[in-house]
Amino acid sequence: MRHVHLPLSLLVAVLLVSPRASADNITGSGSATLTQIVASDSWGLADAEIKALATIREKDGNSRVVRFAAQSRYHDGTLTKSFVRFLAPPDLNGVKFLQIQKRDTDDERYIYLPELKRIRRVSGKLRAGSFMTTDFSFADLDRRELRFAEATALPDEKVGDVPCDRLTVKPTNDDAQYSRLEIWARKDNHMILKSLMYDLKGAHTKTLTVEESKQIQERWFITRARMENHTGQRATTLVLEQIVPRKDIPDDIFNSRNLERQ
């Protein structure tokens, strides 16, 4: 299989299929809180089927809508396997993406492109920086910047009327995209409600805001979130239209050799 760069459209899907990871190396005065945040499954998308859309709004006001369905399940404790099938727009219909999280090595990522009738391996180098000027990067999505980090506890602060823990997080992984992040997470369920991202030069480049969440079968799901790109003056909004918690998703769905047949 050949390595390939990830198209813009696939990046949106990864946000919805990389929900939870182990707290690999967290230190600092806020380490206990950040460990709870990482373990809380803020996106709530393991052991579930979803249908979702992402609206990418450009600086000039034009927008593009991408629709997709995803299935995900836990493996090896808190790691996940995730499969995404794109439904719209027409040029993406039939594109499929598979990600298998790994504990000590780079995640496995595969893409099936129907026009080529070929499965390709996606290079792990893509987590650095943004893709095709999109508002999300793998660094935002695979959460390594939270899993390998020094966390400093700050005074509690509300987001709206919701009491939150507040942290400054300085990533310690070698491939970190950000110099630091500021995080507000609910005290009751540790769901991140707001996050500010600062690039390696210290500039505030992006803001993630959770706009809606919902409890289904004792689990909390983020159902609407917005990422603002202050440098590019763009924004991407993700909405989960349908959520079905499931623990019985067949494991053979998450096999790269089956991407062509599914």
Protein backbone atom coordinates (compact mmCIF):
# COMPACT_ATOMS: atom_id res chain seq x y z
CA MET A 1 0.00 0.00 0.00
CA ARG A 2 1.26 3.46 -0.90
CA HIS A 3 1.33 6.36 1.55
CA VAL A 4 -0.93 9.28 0.71
CA HIS A 5 -1.68 12.72 2.12
CA LEU A 6 -5.09 13.05 3.76
CA PRO A 7 -7.68 15.10 1.82
CA LEU A 8 -9.34 18.07 3.50
CA SER A 9 -12.67 16.29 3.82
CA LEU A 10 -11.28 13.36 5.79
CA LEU A 11 -9.90 15.58 8.51
CA VAL A 12 -13.40 16.40 9.72
CA ALA A 13 -14.14 12.73 10.24
CA VAL A 14 -11.12 12.14 12.38
CA LEU A 15 -12.45 14.57 14.96
CA LEU A 16 -15.42 12.32 15.42
CA VAL A 17 -13.55 9.06 15.55
CA SER A 18 -10.64 9.77 17.87
CA PRO A 19 -12.50 10.08 21.12
CA ARG A 20 -10.48 8.56 23.90
CA ALA A 21 -6.91 7.65 24.71
CA SER A 22 -4.86 6.57 27.70
CA ALA A 23 -3.22 9.20 29.87
CA ASP A 24 0.31 8.34 28.74
CA ASN A 25 2.50 10.88 30.56
CA ILE A 26 0.78 13.74 32.38
CA THR A 27 2.62 15.77 35.02
CA GLY A 28 2.19 19.02 36.96
CA SER A 29 -0.20 20.47 39.52
CA GLY A 30 -3.17 19.83 37.23
CA SER A 31 -2.22 16.27 36.31
CA ALA A 32 -5.08 14.61 38.21
CA THR A 33 -7.66 16.85 36.54
CA LEU A 34 -6.19 16.44 33.05
CA THR A 35 -6.06 12.67 33.51
CA GLN A 36 -9.80 12.74 34.27
CA ILE A 37 -10.43 14.93 31.21
CA VAL A 38 -8.52 12.57 28.90
CA ALA A 39 -10.30 9.53 30.38
CA SER A 40 -13.76 11.11 30.24
CA ASP A 41 -14.25 10.52 26.50
CA SER A 42 -15.30 14.11 25.83
CA TRP A 43 -16.47 13.29 22.32
CA GLY A 44 -18.31 10.24 23.64
CA LEU A 45 -17.98 8.32 20.41
CA ALA A 46 -16.49 4.96 21.29
CA ASP A 47 -18.91 2.01 21.17
CA ALA A 48 -21.36 4.00 19.05
CA GLU A 49 -22.73 4.64 15.57
CA ILE A 50 -23.27 8.20 14.42
CA LYS A 51 -24.41 10.27 11.48
CA ALA A 52 -22.94 13.75 11.30
CA LEU A 53 -22.23 16.79 9.18
CA ALA A 54 -19.45 19.34 9.10
CA THR A 55 -19.95 22.84 7.73
CA ILE A 56 -16.76 24.61 6.68
CA ARG A 57 -17.34 28.36 6.36
CA GLU A 58 -14.80 30.38 4.41
CA LYS A 59 -13.62 33.94 5.02
CA ASP A 60 -15.72 35.18 2.07
CA GLY A 61 -18.90 33.60 3.49
CA ASN A 62 -19.00 30.59 1.17
CA SER A 63 -19.51 27.22 2.85
CA ARG A 64 -19.15 23.51 2.14
CA VAL A 65 -21.09 20.73 3.88
CA VAL A 66 -19.71 17.22 4.35
CA ARG A 67 -21.95 14.37 5.58
CA PHE A 68 -20.68 11.07 6.92
CA ALA A 69 -21.49 8.06 9.09
CA ALA A 70 -19.08 6.55 11.61
CA GLN A 71 -18.76 3.41 13.74
CA SER A 72 -16.32 3.05 16.63
CA ARG A 73 -15.47 0.59 19.37
CA TYR A 74 -12.95 0.24 22.17
CA HIS A 75 -9.96 -2.08 21.98
CA ASP A 76 -6.97 -2.60 24.25
CA GLY A 77 -8.62 -0.81 27.15
CA THR A 78 -9.21 2.85 26.28
CA LEU A 79 -7.99 2.86 22.66
CA THR A 80 -10.42 2.87 19.73
CA LYS A 81 -10.98 1.48 16.26
CA SER A 82 -13.03 3.72 13.97
CA PHE A 83 -14.57 3.43 10.51
CA VAL A 84 -16.01 6.37 8.54
CA ARG A 85 -18.07 6.32 5.33
CA PHE A 86 -18.63 9.60 3.48
CA LEU A 87 -22.13 10.24 2.11
CA ALA A 88 -22.00 13.77 0.62
CA PRO A 89 -21.11 15.86 -1.32
CA PRO A 90 -21.14 13.68 -4.48
CA ASP A 91 -17.38 13.90 -4.99
CA LEU A 92 -16.85 12.26 -1.58
CA ASN A 93 -19.64 9.68 -1.68
CA GLY A 94 -18.08 6.25 -1.18
CA VAL A 95 -14.79 7.45 0.29
CA LYS A 96 -13.96 5.43 3.43
CA PHE A 97 -11.52 6.01 6.27
CA LEU A 98 -10.22 3.63 8.94
CA GLN A 99 -8.21 4.53 12.05
CA ILE A 100 -6.84 2.13 14.66
CA GLN A 101 -5.30 3.79 17.71
CA LYS A 102 -2.01 2.39 19.01
CA ARG A 103 -0.64 2.82 22.51
CA ASP A 104 3.11 3.05 21.86
CA THR A 105 3.37 3.69 18.10
CA ASP A 106 1.71 5.90 15.51
CA ASP A 107 -1.95 5.13 14.83
CA GLU A 108 -2.82 3.11 11.72
CA ARG A 109 -4.86 5.13 9.18
CA TYR A 110 -6.20 3.92 5.83
CA ILE A 111 -8.27 5.52 3.10
CA TYR A 112 -10.28 3.90 0.30
CA LEU A 113 -10.76 6.05 -2.81
CA PRO A 114 -13.54 4.62 -5.02
CA GLU A 115 -12.40 6.42 -8.17
CA LEU A 116 -9.05 4.61 -7.89
CA LYS A 117 -10.48 1.39 -6.40
CA ARG A 118 -7.48 1.38 -4.10
CA ILE A 119 -6.69 1.32 -0.37
CA ARG A 120 -3.86 3.57 0.75
CA ARG A 121 -2.03 4.03 4.04
CA VAL A 122 -2.16 7.58 5.43
CA SER A 123 1.18 8.93 6.65
CA GLY A 124 1.46 9.79 10.34
CA LYS A 125 3.42 12.92 9.42
CA LEU A 126 0.09 14.58 8.64
CA ARG A 127 -0.58 15.35 12.30
CA ALA A 128 1.82 18.31 12.10
CA GLY A 129 0.12 21.50 10.98
CA SER A 130 -3.15 21.90 9.12
CA PHE A 131 -4.33 20.18 5.97
CA MET A 132 -5.39 22.20 2.94
CA THR A 133 -5.99 25.20 5.32
CA THR A 134 -8.74 23.32 7.18
CA ASP A 135 -9.54 24.42 10.74
CA PHE A 136 -8.64 21.08 12.37
CA SER A 137 -5.39 19.18 12.44
CA PHE A 138 -4.48 15.71 13.66
CA ALA A 139 -2.90 17.42 16.66
CA ASP A 140 -6.39 18.70 17.57
CA LEU A 141 -7.88 15.29 17.04
CA ASP A 142 -5.57 12.56 18.29
CA ARG A 143 -5.14 14.37 21.64
CA ARG A 144 -1.45 13.59 22.05
CA GLU A 145 -1.01 17.19 23.21
CA LEU A 146 -3.16 16.26 26.21
CA ARG A 147 -1.81 12.75 26.73
CA PHE A 148 1.83 13.89 26.86
CA ALA A 149 1.80 17.16 28.78
CA GLU A 150 2.55 19.25 31.84
CA ALA A 151 -0.73 20.57 33.27
CA THR A 152 -0.97 23.58 35.58
CA ALA A 153 -4.16 24.12 37.58
CA LEU A 154 -5.66 27.62 37.36
CA PRO A 155 -8.50 29.16 39.41
CA ASP A 156 -11.90 27.65 38.63
CA GLU A 157 -14.00 29.61 36.17
CA LYS A 158 -17.49 29.29 34.71
CA VAL A 159 -18.30 28.88 31.03
CA GLY A 160 -21.70 30.50 30.90
CA ASP A 161 -23.35 29.20 34.07
CA VAL A 162 -21.36 25.94 34.18
CA PRO A 163 -18.61 25.58 36.84
CA CYS A 164 -15.38 24.43 35.18
CA ASP A 165 -11.88 23.30 36.01
CA ARG A 166 -9.36 25.44 34.18
CA LEU A 167 -5.89 24.33 33.11
CA THR A 168 -2.88 25.50 31.18
CA VAL A 169 -1.44 22.54 29.28
CA LYS A 170 2.07 22.51 27.84
CA PRO A 171 2.60 19.55 25.48
CA THR A 172 5.79 17.54 25.97
CA ASN A 173 5.58 15.25 22.92
CA ASP A 174 8.30 15.83 20.32
CA ASP A 175 5.81 16.39 17.49
CA ALA A 176 3.66 18.92 19.38
CA GLN A 177 1.89 21.49 17.21
CA TYR A 178 1.11 23.88 20.06
CA SER A 179 3.24 25.58 22.70
CA ARG A 180 0.29 25.54 25.11
CA LEU A 181 -3.46 25.11 25.42
CA GLU A 182 -5.92 26.66 27.84
CA ILE A 183 -8.77 24.32 28.73
CA TRP A 184 -12.11 24.72 30.50
CA ALA A 185 -13.76 21.41 31.45
CA ARG A 186 -17.01 20.75 33.31
CA LYS A 187 -16.51 19.77 36.94
CA ASP A 188 -19.32 17.21 36.91
CA ASN A 189 -18.37 15.09 33.87
CA HIS A 190 -14.97 16.51 32.80
CA MET A 191 -16.23 17.36 29.30
CA ILE A 192 -14.15 20.07 27.62
CA LEU A 193 -16.34 23.10 26.90
CA LYS A 194 -13.69 25.47 25.59
CA SER A 195 -10.08 25.28 24.47
CA LEU A 196 -7.65 27.95 23.26
CA MET A 197 -4.69 26.82 21.14
CA TYR A 198 -1.39 28.70 20.90
CA ASP A 199 1.11 27.97 18.14
CA LEU A 200 4.80 27.32 18.70
CA LYS A 201 5.50 31.07 18.56
CA GLY A 202 2.94 31.75 21.30
CA ALA A 203 0.20 33.27 19.13
CA HIS A 204 -3.45 32.42 19.84
CA THR A 205 -4.42 30.72 16.58
CA LYS A 206 -7.58 28.70 17.24
CA THR A 207 -10.53 28.40 19.63
CA LEU A 208 -12.69 25.31 20.12
CA THR A 209 -16.14 25.89 21.64
CA VAL A 210 -18.66 23.18 22.54
CA GLU A 211 -22.09 24.61 21.77
CA GLU A 212 -24.36 21.66 22.59
CA SER A 213 -24.13 18.34 24.44
CA LYS A 214 -26.58 15.57 25.25
CA GLN A 215 -26.84 12.65 27.66
CA ILE A 216 -27.86 9.32 26.09
CA GLN A 217 -27.96 6.09 28.12
CA GLU A 218 -25.88 7.61 30.93
CA ARG A 219 -23.22 8.82 28.46
CA TRP A 220 -22.52 12.42 27.50
CA PHE A 221 -22.07 13.28 23.83
CA ILE A 222 -20.83 16.52 22.31
CA THR A 223 -23.47 17.15 19.65
CA ARG A 224 -22.32 20.51 18.29
CA ALA A 225 -18.86 22.11 18.35
CA ARG A 226 -17.17 24.96 16.52
CA MET A 227 -13.50 25.49 15.71
CA GLU A 228 -12.50 29.06 14.85
CA ASN A 229 -9.28 29.68 12.93
CA HIS A 230 -8.22 33.20 13.88
CA THR A 231 -5.35 33.26 11.41
CA GLY A 232 -7.40 32.22 8.39
CA GLN A 233 -10.64 33.87 9.59
CA ARG A 234 -12.51 30.62 8.96
CA ALA A 235 -14.62 28.28 11.07
CA THR A 236 -15.78 24.67 11.01
CA THR A 237 -18.94 23.53 12.81
CA LEU A 238 -19.59 19.85 13.49
CA VAL A 239 -23.08 18.55 14.31
CA LEU A 240 -23.98 15.01 15.35
CA GLU A 241 -27.43 14.40 13.90
CA GLN A 242 -27.89 10.79 15.05
CA ILE A 243 -26.20 8.85 17.88
CA VAL A 244 -26.78 5.16 18.69
CA PRO A 245 -24.63 3.73 21.52
CA ARG A 246 -23.54 0.16 20.66
CA LYS A 247 -21.13 -2.32 22.20
CA ASP A 248 -21.71 -5.07 19.62
CA ILE A 249 -20.21 -3.55 16.46
CA PRO A 250 -18.43 -6.42 14.65
CA ASP A 251 -14.65 -6.25 14.88
CA ASP A 252 -14.14 -7.24 11.22
CA ILE A 253 -15.49 -3.83 10.15
CA PHE A 254 -12.19 -2.36 11.32
CA ASN A 255 -9.97 -4.30 8.91
CA SER A 256 -8.20 -2.41 6.13
CA ARG A 257 -8.58 -5.35 3.75
CA ASN A 258 -12.36 -5.04 3.97
CA LEU A 259 -12.58 -1.35 3.02
CA GLU A 260 -13.31 -2.10 -0.63
CA ARG A 261 -16.13 -4.54 0.21
CA GLN A 262 -18.01 -2.59 2.88
